[in-house]
Amino acid sequence: MRQHVNPLSSNFKQIERIPSLSEMFGDSKLNLHLDIGCAAGEFLFDLALVNTSWNYLGIEIREKLVKNASLKVLERGIKNLNFVFGNANNILNDDQSKFIIKNLKSISFNFPDPWFKKRHYKRRVIQPELINILSNSLQKGTLIFIKTDVKDLFDYMDYTISSDFYFQTIDEKDFNYSESFNPNKVKTNREKYVIVNQLDIFERIYIKN
């Protein structure tokens, strides 16, 4: 179920302080993966529990979901998982967040809100401005994963990322998942739903040159 939140609302202009990596994680030197639009975080909980050699950070625009997920992290004593509330474009464009981008090994955009109407395309999470920020700040070799069941959205995301000179597509057949943030190929709830209903999944992996 998609719950629409207008990411361009003035409510998201003010950005909460982002804790340092050492405040967020038990071992700040582990590889860091960022999931943008993580919803309630079930996917990240599954990943963090089965792959303790990585740190996982989720950004979500619905504050209640972030508060609930953060409480679960504390209750369960999980040391390699954290959540941040806000508009990802605003957060990653803020100077106080640059340390996150510079420490990332990979980013995922899993089944983001498609915002079907053309006049709402500017509300989609992947925007040229965001890709430009990532292009300028990510380390060489950092990966971006996109996944959706909406072909129009996939084409839009793919065009936006591929248009940047510094991002190159990786052939998934040649990709070694065992060394990635998702070695066990954990699936999101949306992906499980799509598979059960035999719908198409469109996905691609990019590497920063």
N, C-alpha and C. Protein backbone atom coordinates (compact mmCIF):
# COMPACT_ATOMS: atom_id res chain seq x y z
N MET A 1 0.85 -1.19 0.00
CA MET A 1 0.00 0.00 0.00
C MET A 1 0.88 1.24 0.00
N ARG A 2 0.62 2.15 -0.92
CA ARG A 2 1.41 3.37 -1.00
C ARG A 2 0.69 4.49 -0.26
N GLN A 3 1.41 5.15 0.63
CA GLN A 3 0.84 6.28 1.37
C GLN A 3 1.53 7.55 0.89
N HIS A 4 0.79 8.40 0.21
CA HIS A 4 1.39 9.57 -0.40
C HIS A 4 1.76 10.64 0.63
N VAL A 5 2.99 11.09 0.55
CA VAL A 5 3.46 12.24 1.33
C VAL A 5 4.16 13.14 0.32
N ASN A 6 3.76 14.40 0.26
CA ASN A 6 4.37 15.33 -0.68
C ASN A 6 5.78 15.70 -0.20
N PRO A 7 6.84 15.21 -0.87
CA PRO A 7 8.20 15.47 -0.41
C PRO A 7 8.63 16.92 -0.56
N LEU A 8 7.86 17.69 -1.35
CA LEU A 8 8.21 19.10 -1.57
C LEU A 8 7.60 20.02 -0.52
N SER A 9 6.86 19.45 0.42
CA SER A 9 6.24 20.23 1.48
C SER A 9 7.31 20.96 2.30
N SER A 10 6.96 22.16 2.76
CA SER A 10 7.89 22.95 3.58
C SER A 10 8.20 22.25 4.91
N ASN A 11 7.38 21.27 5.28
CA ASN A 11 7.61 20.53 6.53
C ASN A 11 8.98 19.85 6.56
N PHE A 12 9.53 19.58 5.37
CA PHE A 12 10.78 18.82 5.30
C PHE A 12 12.00 19.69 5.06
N LYS A 13 11.81 21.02 5.07
CA LYS A 13 12.93 21.94 4.83
C LYS A 13 13.93 21.89 5.99
N GLN A 14 13.37 21.81 7.21
CA GLN A 14 14.24 21.75 8.39
C GLN A 14 14.74 20.32 8.58
N ILE A 15 16.04 20.18 8.70
CA ILE A 15 16.65 18.86 8.79
C ILE A 15 17.16 18.62 10.21
N GLU A 16 16.77 17.48 10.76
CA GLU A 16 17.24 17.14 12.10
C GLU A 16 18.74 16.85 12.06
N ARG A 17 19.39 17.05 13.20
CA ARG A 17 20.82 16.72 13.27
C ARG A 17 21.03 15.24 12.97
N ILE A 18 21.99 14.97 12.09
CA ILE A 18 22.32 13.58 11.77
C ILE A 18 23.45 13.14 12.71
N PRO A 19 23.24 12.08 13.49
CA PRO A 19 24.31 11.61 14.39
C PRO A 19 25.53 11.14 13.59
N SER A 20 26.69 11.15 14.21
CA SER A 20 27.90 10.64 13.55
C SER A 20 27.78 9.13 13.38
N LEU A 21 28.63 8.56 12.54
CA LEU A 21 28.60 7.12 12.32
C LEU A 21 28.88 6.36 13.62
N SER A 22 29.77 6.89 14.44
CA SER A 22 30.09 6.21 15.70
C SER A 22 28.93 6.28 16.70
N GLU A 23 28.08 7.31 16.56
CA GLU A 23 26.87 7.39 17.40
C GLU A 23 25.79 6.43 16.89
N MET A 24 25.75 6.24 15.58
CA MET A 24 24.68 5.43 14.98
C MET A 24 24.95 3.94 15.05
N PHE A 25 26.25 3.55 15.00
CA PHE A 25 26.57 2.13 14.86
C PHE A 25 27.59 1.66 15.90
N GLY A 26 27.51 0.37 16.22
CA GLY A 26 28.46 -0.21 17.16
C GLY A 26 29.87 -0.19 16.62
N ASP A 27 30.02 -0.46 15.32
CA ASP A 27 31.33 -0.42 14.65
C ASP A 27 31.19 0.45 13.42
N SER A 28 31.67 1.67 13.52
CA SER A 28 31.48 2.65 12.44
C SER A 28 32.35 2.37 11.22
N LYS A 29 33.27 1.40 11.32
CA LYS A 29 34.18 1.12 10.21
C LYS A 29 33.64 0.07 9.24
N LEU A 30 32.50 -0.52 9.56
CA LEU A 30 31.90 -1.51 8.64
C LEU A 30 31.41 -0.82 7.37
N ASN A 31 31.33 -1.59 6.28
CA ASN A 31 30.75 -1.07 5.05
C ASN A 31 29.36 -0.52 5.33
N LEU A 32 29.02 0.61 4.68
CA LEU A 32 27.75 1.27 4.94
C LEU A 32 26.84 1.24 3.71
N HIS A 33 25.61 0.77 3.92
CA HIS A 33 24.59 0.77 2.87
C HIS A 33 23.45 1.70 3.26
N LEU A 34 22.97 2.47 2.30
CA LEU A 34 21.85 3.39 2.52
C LEU A 34 20.65 2.96 1.71
N ASP A 35 19.51 2.80 2.38
CA ASP A 35 18.25 2.49 1.70
C ASP A 35 17.37 3.72 1.76
N ILE A 36 17.07 4.29 0.61
CA ILE A 36 16.28 5.53 0.56
C ILE A 36 14.81 5.20 0.31
N GLY A 37 13.96 5.68 1.23
CA GLY A 37 12.54 5.35 1.18
C GLY A 37 12.31 3.99 1.79
N CYS A 38 12.82 3.80 3.01
CA CYS A 38 12.86 2.47 3.63
C CYS A 38 11.55 2.05 4.28
N ALA A 39 10.54 2.93 4.27
CA ALA A 39 9.23 2.64 4.88
C ALA A 39 9.42 2.24 6.34
N ALA A 40 8.79 1.13 6.77
CA ALA A 40 8.87 0.72 8.18
C ALA A 40 10.18 0.01 8.50
N GLY A 41 11.01 -0.22 7.48
CA GLY A 41 12.34 -0.76 7.71
C GLY A 41 12.44 -2.27 7.79
N GLU A 42 11.36 -3.01 7.47
CA GLU A 42 11.43 -4.48 7.59
C GLU A 42 12.58 -5.08 6.79
N PHE A 43 12.77 -4.56 5.57
CA PHE A 43 13.85 -5.03 4.71
C PHE A 43 15.21 -4.85 5.38
N LEU A 44 15.43 -3.68 5.98
CA LEU A 44 16.71 -3.40 6.64
C LEU A 44 16.89 -4.22 7.91
N PHE A 45 15.81 -4.46 8.64
CA PHE A 45 15.90 -5.33 9.82
C PHE A 45 16.35 -6.73 9.39
N ASP A 46 15.74 -7.24 8.33
CA ASP A 46 16.11 -8.57 7.83
C ASP A 46 17.59 -8.60 7.43
N LEU A 47 18.04 -7.57 6.73
CA LEU A 47 19.43 -7.50 6.28
C LEU A 47 20.39 -7.40 7.47
N ALA A 48 20.09 -6.49 8.39
CA ALA A 48 21.00 -6.24 9.52
C ALA A 48 21.18 -7.48 10.38
N LEU A 49 20.12 -8.26 10.53
CA LEU A 49 20.19 -9.44 11.40
C LEU A 49 20.95 -10.59 10.76
N VAL A 50 20.89 -10.72 9.43
CA VAL A 50 21.57 -11.85 8.77
C VAL A 50 22.95 -11.47 8.24
N ASN A 51 23.26 -10.17 8.19
CA ASN A 51 24.54 -9.74 7.63
C ASN A 51 25.17 -8.69 8.55
N THR A 52 25.73 -9.16 9.64
CA THR A 52 26.25 -8.25 10.67
C THR A 52 27.59 -7.61 10.30
N SER A 53 28.12 -7.94 9.12
CA SER A 53 29.39 -7.34 8.68
C SER A 53 29.18 -6.03 7.92
N TRP A 54 27.93 -5.60 7.81
CA TRP A 54 27.60 -4.31 7.18
C TRP A 54 26.79 -3.46 8.15
N ASN A 55 26.90 -2.14 7.99
CA ASN A 55 25.99 -1.21 8.65
C ASN A 55 24.91 -0.79 7.66
N TYR A 56 23.69 -0.61 8.17
CA TYR A 56 22.55 -0.24 7.33
C TYR A 56 21.88 1.03 7.86
N LEU A 57 21.63 1.95 6.94
CA LEU A 57 20.97 3.21 7.29
C LEU A 57 19.77 3.40 6.38
N GLY A 58 18.62 3.70 6.98
CA GLY A 58 17.42 3.96 6.19
C GLY A 58 16.97 5.40 6.31
N ILE A 59 16.58 6.00 5.19
CA ILE A 59 15.96 7.33 5.21
C ILE A 59 14.51 7.16 4.80
N GLU A 60 13.61 7.76 5.59
CA GLU A 60 12.17 7.64 5.31
C GLU A 60 11.49 8.97 5.60
N ILE A 61 10.53 9.32 4.76
CA ILE A 61 9.88 10.62 4.84
C ILE A 61 8.67 10.63 5.78
N ARG A 62 8.22 9.45 6.21
CA ARG A 62 7.08 9.38 7.14
C ARG A 62 7.62 9.20 8.56
N GLU A 63 7.49 10.26 9.34
CA GLU A 63 8.14 10.33 10.65
C GLU A 63 7.71 9.22 11.59
N LYS A 64 6.44 8.88 11.57
CA LYS A 64 5.95 7.84 12.49
C LYS A 64 6.64 6.50 12.22
N LEU A 65 6.86 6.18 10.96
CA LEU A 65 7.53 4.93 10.62
C LEU A 65 8.96 4.93 11.14
N VAL A 66 9.64 6.08 11.04
CA VAL A 66 11.02 6.18 11.52
C VAL A 66 11.08 6.03 13.04
N LYS A 67 10.16 6.68 13.73
CA LYS A 67 10.13 6.57 15.20
C LYS A 67 9.89 5.13 15.64
N ASN A 68 8.96 4.45 14.99
CA ASN A 68 8.66 3.06 15.34
C ASN A 68 9.86 2.15 15.06
N ALA A 69 10.49 2.36 13.90
CA ALA A 69 11.64 1.53 13.53
C ALA A 69 12.81 1.78 14.48
N SER A 70 13.05 3.04 14.83
CA SER A 70 14.15 3.37 15.74
C SER A 70 13.94 2.75 17.12
N LEU A 71 12.69 2.72 17.55
CA LEU A 71 12.36 2.10 18.84
C LEU A 71 12.64 0.60 18.81
N LYS A 72 12.31 -0.04 17.70
CA LYS A 72 12.56 -1.47 17.55
C LYS A 72 14.06 -1.77 17.57
N VAL A 73 14.85 -0.89 16.97
CA VAL A 73 16.31 -1.07 16.98
C VAL A 73 16.82 -1.06 18.41
N LEU A 74 16.35 -0.10 19.20
CA LEU A 74 16.77 -0.01 20.61
C LEU A 74 16.32 -1.23 21.40
N GLU A 75 15.07 -1.61 21.21
CA GLU A 75 14.51 -2.74 21.96
C GLU A 75 15.25 -4.03 21.67
N ARG A 76 15.66 -4.20 20.42
CA ARG A 76 16.32 -5.44 20.00
C ARG A 76 17.84 -5.38 20.15
N GLY A 77 18.36 -4.19 20.48
CA GLY A 77 19.80 -4.04 20.67
C GLY A 77 20.60 -4.28 19.41
N ILE A 78 20.06 -3.87 18.27
CA ILE A 78 20.76 -4.06 16.99
C ILE A 78 21.79 -2.94 16.81
N LYS A 79 23.04 -3.30 16.59
CA LYS A 79 24.14 -2.32 16.57
C LYS A 79 24.52 -1.86 15.16
N ASN A 80 23.98 -2.51 14.12
CA ASN A 80 24.39 -2.17 12.75
C ASN A 80 23.24 -1.62 11.91
N LEU A 81 22.28 -0.98 12.59
CA LEU A 81 21.10 -0.46 11.89
C LEU A 81 20.65 0.86 12.51
N ASN A 82 20.31 1.82 11.64
CA ASN A 82 19.81 3.10 12.13
C ASN A 82 18.88 3.71 11.09
N PHE A 83 18.05 4.66 11.56
CA PHE A 83 17.07 5.30 10.68
C PHE A 83 17.10 6.81 10.85
N VAL A 84 16.84 7.51 9.73
CA VAL A 84 16.81 8.97 9.73
C VAL A 84 15.51 9.41 9.07
N PHE A 85 14.88 10.43 9.66
CA PHE A 85 13.62 10.96 9.13
C PHE A 85 13.87 12.18 8.25
N GLY A 86 13.15 12.23 7.11
CA GLY A 86 13.20 13.43 6.28
C GLY A 86 13.16 13.13 4.80
N ASN A 87 13.23 14.19 4.01
CA ASN A 87 13.29 14.12 2.56
C ASN A 87 14.74 13.83 2.18
N ALA A 88 14.98 12.70 1.51
CA ALA A 88 16.35 12.28 1.20
C ALA A 88 17.10 13.31 0.37
N ASN A 89 16.40 13.95 -0.57
CA ASN A 89 17.05 14.98 -1.39
C ASN A 89 17.56 16.12 -0.53
N ASN A 90 16.75 16.56 0.43
CA ASN A 90 17.16 17.65 1.31
C ASN A 90 18.29 17.22 2.25
N ILE A 91 18.16 16.02 2.79
CA ILE A 91 19.15 15.52 3.73
C ILE A 91 20.52 15.39 3.07
N LEU A 92 20.56 14.76 1.90
CA LEU A 92 21.84 14.50 1.25
C LEU A 92 22.44 15.75 0.62
N ASN A 93 21.62 16.78 0.46
CA ASN A 93 22.12 18.05 -0.08
C ASN A 93 22.62 18.98 1.04
N ASP A 94 22.45 18.54 2.28
CA ASP A 94 22.83 19.37 3.43
C ASP A 94 24.27 19.09 3.81
N ASP A 95 25.01 20.14 4.13
CA ASP A 95 26.44 20.00 4.43
C ASP A 95 26.71 19.05 5.59
N GLN A 96 25.80 19.02 6.56
CA GLN A 96 26.03 18.18 7.74
C GLN A 96 25.92 16.69 7.40
N SER A 97 25.38 16.37 6.21
CA SER A 97 25.19 14.97 5.84
C SER A 97 26.25 14.45 4.88
N LYS A 98 27.19 15.30 4.49
CA LYS A 98 28.18 14.90 3.48
C LYS A 98 28.98 13.67 3.92
N PHE A 99 29.18 13.54 5.24
CA PHE A 99 29.97 12.41 5.73
C PHE A 99 29.28 11.08 5.43
N ILE A 100 27.94 11.09 5.35
CA ILE A 100 27.21 9.86 5.01
C ILE A 100 27.55 9.44 3.59
N ILE A 101 27.40 10.37 2.64
CA ILE A 101 27.64 10.05 1.23
C ILE A 101 29.07 9.56 1.02
N LYS A 102 30.02 10.23 1.67
CA LYS A 102 31.43 9.90 1.46
C LYS A 102 31.80 8.53 2.02
N ASN A 103 31.00 8.00 2.94
CA ASN A 103 31.30 6.70 3.55
C ASN A 103 30.48 5.55 2.96
N LEU A 104 29.61 5.85 2.02
CA LEU A 104 28.74 4.81 1.47
C LEU A 104 29.48 3.85 0.55
N LYS A 105 29.06 2.59 0.62
CA LYS A 105 29.50 1.58 -0.35
C LYS A 105 28.39 1.30 -1.36
N SER A 106 27.14 1.51 -0.94
CA SER A 106 26.03 1.27 -1.86
C SER A 106 24.76 1.96 -1.38
N ILE A 107 23.83 2.17 -2.34
CA ILE A 107 22.54 2.82 -2.08
C ILE A 107 21.47 2.01 -2.80
N SER A 108 20.30 1.87 -2.17
CA SER A 108 19.19 1.20 -2.86
C SER A 108 17.95 2.08 -2.87
N PHE A 109 17.24 2.01 -3.99
CA PHE A 109 15.93 2.63 -4.15
C PHE A 109 14.97 1.49 -4.50
N ASN A 110 14.25 0.99 -3.51
CA ASN A 110 13.37 -0.16 -3.72
C ASN A 110 11.92 0.25 -3.84
N PHE A 111 11.36 0.06 -5.03
CA PHE A 111 9.94 0.32 -5.26
C PHE A 111 9.50 1.68 -4.73
N PRO A 112 10.18 2.75 -5.16
CA PRO A 112 9.79 4.09 -4.69
C PRO A 112 8.42 4.49 -5.22
N ASP A 113 7.81 5.47 -4.58
CA ASP A 113 6.51 5.98 -5.01
C ASP A 113 6.62 6.45 -6.46
N PRO A 114 5.78 5.92 -7.36
CA PRO A 114 5.91 6.28 -8.78
C PRO A 114 5.41 7.66 -9.16
N TRP A 115 4.52 8.26 -8.35
CA TRP A 115 3.95 9.56 -8.70
C TRP A 115 3.61 9.57 -10.19
N PHE A 116 2.52 8.89 -10.54
CA PHE A 116 2.18 8.60 -11.94
C PHE A 116 1.93 9.84 -12.80
N LYS A 117 1.30 10.87 -12.22
CA LYS A 117 0.95 12.04 -13.03
C LYS A 117 2.20 12.83 -13.39
N LYS A 118 2.25 13.27 -14.65
CA LYS A 118 3.46 13.95 -15.13
C LYS A 118 3.79 15.20 -14.31
N ARG A 119 2.76 15.91 -13.87
CA ARG A 119 3.01 17.13 -13.10
C ARG A 119 3.61 16.82 -11.72
N HIS A 120 3.54 15.54 -11.33
CA HIS A 120 4.09 15.13 -10.03
C HIS A 120 5.46 14.46 -10.16
N TYR A 121 6.02 14.39 -11.36
CA TYR A 121 7.33 13.75 -11.54
C TYR A 121 8.39 14.38 -10.64
N LYS A 122 8.23 15.68 -10.39
CA LYS A 122 9.21 16.40 -9.56
C LYS A 122 9.18 15.91 -8.11
N ARG A 123 8.14 15.13 -7.76
CA ARG A 123 8.07 14.57 -6.40
C ARG A 123 8.78 13.22 -6.30
N ARG A 124 9.15 12.65 -7.42
CA ARG A 124 9.85 11.36 -7.39
C ARG A 124 11.19 11.52 -6.69
N VAL A 125 11.61 10.48 -5.99
CA VAL A 125 12.80 10.59 -5.15
C VAL A 125 14.07 10.76 -5.98
N ILE A 126 14.17 10.05 -7.09
CA ILE A 126 15.34 10.21 -7.94
C ILE A 126 15.13 11.40 -8.86
N GLN A 127 15.93 12.42 -8.64
CA GLN A 127 15.90 13.66 -9.42
C GLN A 127 17.31 13.95 -9.93
N PRO A 128 17.44 14.69 -11.04
CA PRO A 128 18.77 15.03 -11.55
C PRO A 128 19.65 15.69 -10.48
N GLU A 129 19.03 16.52 -9.64
CA GLU A 129 19.81 17.20 -8.59
C GLU A 129 20.41 16.20 -7.61
N LEU A 130 19.64 15.19 -7.23
CA LEU A 130 20.14 14.18 -6.30
C LEU A 130 21.26 13.36 -6.94
N ILE A 131 21.07 12.96 -8.18
CA ILE A 131 22.10 12.19 -8.87
C ILE A 131 23.37 13.01 -9.03
N ASN A 132 23.22 14.30 -9.24
CA ASN A 132 24.38 15.18 -9.35
C ASN A 132 25.15 15.25 -8.02
N ILE A 133 24.40 15.33 -6.91
CA ILE A 133 25.03 15.33 -5.58
C ILE A 133 25.81 14.03 -5.37
N LEU A 134 25.18 12.91 -5.70
CA LEU A 134 25.83 11.61 -5.52
C LEU A 134 27.04 11.48 -6.45
N SER A 135 26.90 11.96 -7.67
CA SER A 135 27.99 11.90 -8.63
C SER A 135 29.21 12.66 -8.14
N ASN A 136 28.98 13.80 -7.51
CA ASN A 136 30.07 14.64 -7.04
C ASN A 136 30.70 14.17 -5.73
N SER A 137 29.95 13.38 -4.94
CA SER A 137 30.40 13.08 -3.58
C SER A 137 30.68 11.62 -3.28
N LEU A 138 30.07 10.69 -4.03
CA LEU A 138 30.30 9.28 -3.75
C LEU A 138 31.73 8.86 -4.09
N GLN A 139 32.23 7.89 -3.35
CA GLN A 139 33.53 7.31 -3.67
C GLN A 139 33.43 6.53 -4.98
N LYS A 140 34.54 6.44 -5.69
CA LYS A 140 34.61 5.60 -6.88
C LYS A 140 34.32 4.16 -6.47
N GLY A 141 33.50 3.48 -7.26
CA GLY A 141 33.16 2.09 -6.96
C GLY A 141 31.88 1.91 -6.16
N THR A 142 31.29 3.03 -5.67
CA THR A 142 30.02 2.94 -4.94
C THR A 142 28.91 2.51 -5.90
N LEU A 143 28.00 1.67 -5.40
CA LEU A 143 26.94 1.11 -6.23
C LEU A 143 25.58 1.74 -5.94
N ILE A 144 24.75 1.85 -6.97
CA ILE A 144 23.36 2.26 -6.82
C ILE A 144 22.48 1.15 -7.38
N PHE A 145 21.50 0.73 -6.59
CA PHE A 145 20.55 -0.30 -7.00
C PHE A 145 19.16 0.33 -7.13
N ILE A 146 18.49 0.10 -8.25
CA ILE A 146 17.10 0.54 -8.37
C ILE A 146 16.22 -0.67 -8.66
N LYS A 147 15.00 -0.65 -8.14
CA LYS A 147 14.07 -1.76 -8.34
C LYS A 147 12.65 -1.22 -8.25
N THR A 148 11.80 -1.61 -9.21
CA THR A 148 10.41 -1.17 -9.22
C THR A 148 9.57 -2.13 -10.05
N ASP A 149 8.26 -2.08 -9.86
CA ASP A 149 7.35 -2.86 -10.70
C ASP A 149 6.60 -1.95 -11.68
N VAL A 150 7.05 -0.70 -11.79
CA VAL A 150 6.40 0.27 -12.70
C VAL A 150 7.39 0.61 -13.82
N LYS A 151 7.09 0.15 -15.03
CA LYS A 151 8.03 0.32 -16.15
C LYS A 151 8.32 1.79 -16.43
N ASP A 152 7.31 2.64 -16.40
CA ASP A 152 7.51 4.07 -16.67
C ASP A 152 8.47 4.69 -15.65
N LEU A 153 8.31 4.30 -14.39
CA LEU A 153 9.20 4.82 -13.35
C LEU A 153 10.62 4.30 -13.55
N PHE A 154 10.74 3.02 -13.91
CA PHE A 154 12.07 2.46 -14.16
C PHE A 154 12.78 3.23 -15.28
N ASP A 155 12.07 3.47 -16.37
CA ASP A 155 12.66 4.21 -17.49
C ASP A 155 13.12 5.60 -17.05
N TYR A 156 12.30 6.24 -16.22
CA TYR A 156 12.61 7.58 -15.72
C TYR A 156 13.87 7.54 -14.85
N MET A 157 13.93 6.59 -13.92
CA MET A 157 15.08 6.48 -13.02
C MET A 157 16.33 6.12 -13.79
N ASP A 158 16.19 5.17 -14.70
CA ASP A 158 17.33 4.72 -15.49
C ASP A 158 17.90 5.86 -16.35
N TYR A 159 17.02 6.61 -16.97
CA TYR A 159 17.47 7.73 -17.80
C TYR A 159 18.18 8.79 -16.95
N THR A 160 17.61 9.07 -15.77
CA THR A 160 18.17 10.10 -14.91
C THR A 160 19.57 9.72 -14.42
N ILE A 161 19.75 8.47 -14.04
CA ILE A 161 21.06 8.02 -13.56
C ILE A 161 22.04 7.85 -14.72
N SER A 162 21.60 7.21 -15.80
CA SER A 162 22.48 6.94 -16.93
C SER A 162 22.95 8.21 -17.63
N SER A 163 22.18 9.29 -17.47
CA SER A 163 22.55 10.56 -18.10
C SER A 163 23.78 11.18 -17.45
N ASP A 164 24.10 10.71 -16.24
CA ASP A 164 25.28 11.23 -15.56
C ASP A 164 26.52 10.46 -16.04
N PHE A 165 27.51 11.18 -16.46
CA PHE A 165 28.73 10.61 -17.04
C PHE A 165 29.43 9.63 -16.09
N TYR A 166 29.30 9.86 -14.78
CA TYR A 166 30.07 9.07 -13.82
C TYR A 166 29.41 7.77 -13.38
N PHE A 167 28.20 7.50 -13.85
CA PHE A 167 27.54 6.25 -13.48
C PHE A 167 27.44 5.32 -14.68
N GLN A 168 27.87 4.09 -14.47
CA GLN A 168 27.87 3.10 -15.53
C GLN A 168 27.04 1.89 -15.08
N THR A 169 26.29 1.31 -16.01
CA THR A 169 25.48 0.14 -15.70
C THR A 169 26.36 -1.10 -15.55
N ILE A 170 26.01 -1.93 -14.57
CA ILE A 170 26.69 -3.22 -14.37
C ILE A 170 25.77 -4.32 -14.87
N ASP A 171 26.33 -5.27 -15.60
CA ASP A 171 25.55 -6.43 -16.02
C ASP A 171 25.30 -7.30 -14.79
N GLU A 172 24.03 -7.49 -14.47
CA GLU A 172 23.69 -8.22 -13.24
C GLU A 172 24.24 -9.65 -13.23
N LYS A 173 24.39 -10.24 -14.41
CA LYS A 173 24.91 -11.61 -14.49
C LYS A 173 26.36 -11.68 -14.00
N ASP A 174 27.06 -10.57 -14.09
CA ASP A 174 28.46 -10.53 -13.67
C ASP A 174 28.62 -10.02 -12.24
N PHE A 175 27.51 -9.72 -11.59
CA PHE A 175 27.60 -9.10 -10.27
C PHE A 175 27.69 -10.15 -9.17
N ASN A 176 28.61 -9.93 -8.23
CA ASN A 176 28.82 -10.86 -7.13
C ASN A 176 28.01 -10.40 -5.91
N TYR A 177 26.84 -10.96 -5.74
CA TYR A 177 25.97 -10.56 -4.63
C TYR A 177 26.56 -10.92 -3.28
N SER A 178 27.39 -11.96 -3.22
CA SER A 178 27.92 -12.42 -1.93
C SER A 178 28.77 -11.36 -1.25
N GLU A 179 29.32 -10.42 -2.03
CA GLU A 179 30.15 -9.37 -1.45
C GLU A 179 29.39 -8.06 -1.26
N SER A 180 28.11 -8.08 -1.58
CA SER A 180 27.30 -6.85 -1.54
C SER A 180 26.58 -6.70 -0.20
N PHE A 181 25.78 -5.63 -0.10
CA PHE A 181 25.01 -5.37 1.11
C PHE A 181 23.93 -6.42 1.32
N ASN A 182 23.63 -7.22 0.29
CA ASN A 182 22.53 -8.17 0.35
C ASN A 182 22.98 -9.55 -0.14
N PRO A 183 23.91 -10.18 0.56
CA PRO A 183 24.47 -11.45 0.10
C PRO A 183 23.45 -12.58 0.04
N ASN A 184 22.40 -12.51 0.86
CA ASN A 184 21.39 -13.57 0.87
C ASN A 184 20.18 -13.25 0.00
N LYS A 185 20.29 -12.14 -0.75
CA LYS A 185 19.21 -11.70 -1.65
C LYS A 185 17.86 -11.59 -0.91
N VAL A 186 17.90 -10.95 0.24
CA VAL A 186 16.69 -10.67 1.01
C VAL A 186 15.75 -9.81 0.16
N LYS A 187 14.46 -10.08 0.22
CA LYS A 187 13.48 -9.35 -0.59
C LYS A 187 12.65 -8.40 0.28
N THR A 188 12.26 -7.27 -0.30
CA THR A 188 11.35 -6.35 0.39
C THR A 188 9.95 -6.93 0.38
N ASN A 189 9.07 -6.41 1.22
CA ASN A 189 7.68 -6.86 1.23
C ASN A 189 7.01 -6.63 -0.12
N ARG A 190 7.32 -5.48 -0.75
CA ARG A 190 6.72 -5.17 -2.05
C ARG A 190 7.20 -6.18 -3.10
N GLU A 191 8.47 -6.54 -3.04
CA GLU A 191 8.99 -7.50 -4.02
C GLU A 191 8.32 -8.86 -3.86
N LYS A 192 8.12 -9.28 -2.60
CA LYS A 192 7.43 -10.55 -2.35
C LYS A 192 6.02 -10.52 -2.94
N TYR A 193 5.33 -9.39 -2.74
CA TYR A 193 3.96 -9.21 -3.27
C TYR A 193 3.96 -9.30 -4.79
N VAL A 194 4.91 -8.63 -5.42
CA VAL A 194 5.00 -8.59 -6.88
C VAL A 194 5.26 -10.00 -7.44
N ILE A 195 6.15 -10.74 -6.76
CA ILE A 195 6.47 -12.09 -7.21
C ILE A 195 5.25 -13.01 -7.09
N VAL A 196 4.57 -12.93 -5.95
CA VAL A 196 3.38 -13.76 -5.73
C VAL A 196 2.31 -13.49 -6.80
N ASN A 197 2.19 -12.22 -7.18
CA ASN A 197 1.18 -11.84 -8.17
C ASN A 197 1.70 -11.90 -9.61
N GLN A 198 2.91 -12.46 -9.76
CA GLN A 198 3.51 -12.69 -11.07
C GLN A 198 3.56 -11.42 -11.93
N LEU A 199 3.95 -10.33 -11.29
CA LEU A 199 4.12 -9.06 -12.00
C LEU A 199 5.60 -8.90 -12.36
N ASP A 200 5.87 -7.99 -13.28
CA ASP A 200 7.24 -7.76 -13.72
C ASP A 200 8.00 -6.93 -12.69
N ILE A 201 9.29 -7.23 -12.56
CA ILE A 201 10.19 -6.42 -11.74
C ILE A 201 11.28 -5.87 -12.65
N PHE A 202 11.50 -4.58 -12.56
CA PHE A 202 12.53 -3.92 -13.36
C PHE A 202 13.63 -3.46 -12.40
N GLU A 203 14.86 -3.84 -12.68
CA GLU A 203 15.94 -3.48 -11.77
C GLU A 203 17.24 -3.25 -12.54
N ARG A 204 18.13 -2.49 -11.91
CA ARG A 204 19.42 -2.20 -12.54
C ARG A 204 20.41 -1.82 -11.46
N ILE A 205 21.68 -2.07 -11.75
CA ILE A 205 22.77 -1.72 -10.84
C ILE A 205 23.72 -0.77 -11.58
N TYR A 206 24.15 0.27 -10.90
CA TYR A 206 25.10 1.25 -11.47
C TYR A 206 26.31 1.35 -10.56
N ILE A 207 27.45 1.65 -11.16
CA ILE A 207 28.68 1.86 -10.39
C ILE A 207 29.23 3.25 -10.67
N LYS A 208 29.74 3.89 -9.62
CA LYS A 208 30.34 5.22 -9.78
C LYS A 208 31.77 5.06 -10.29
N ASN A 209 32.04 5.68 -11.42
CA ASN A 209 33.38 5.62 -12.03
C ASN A 209 34.29 6.68 -11.42
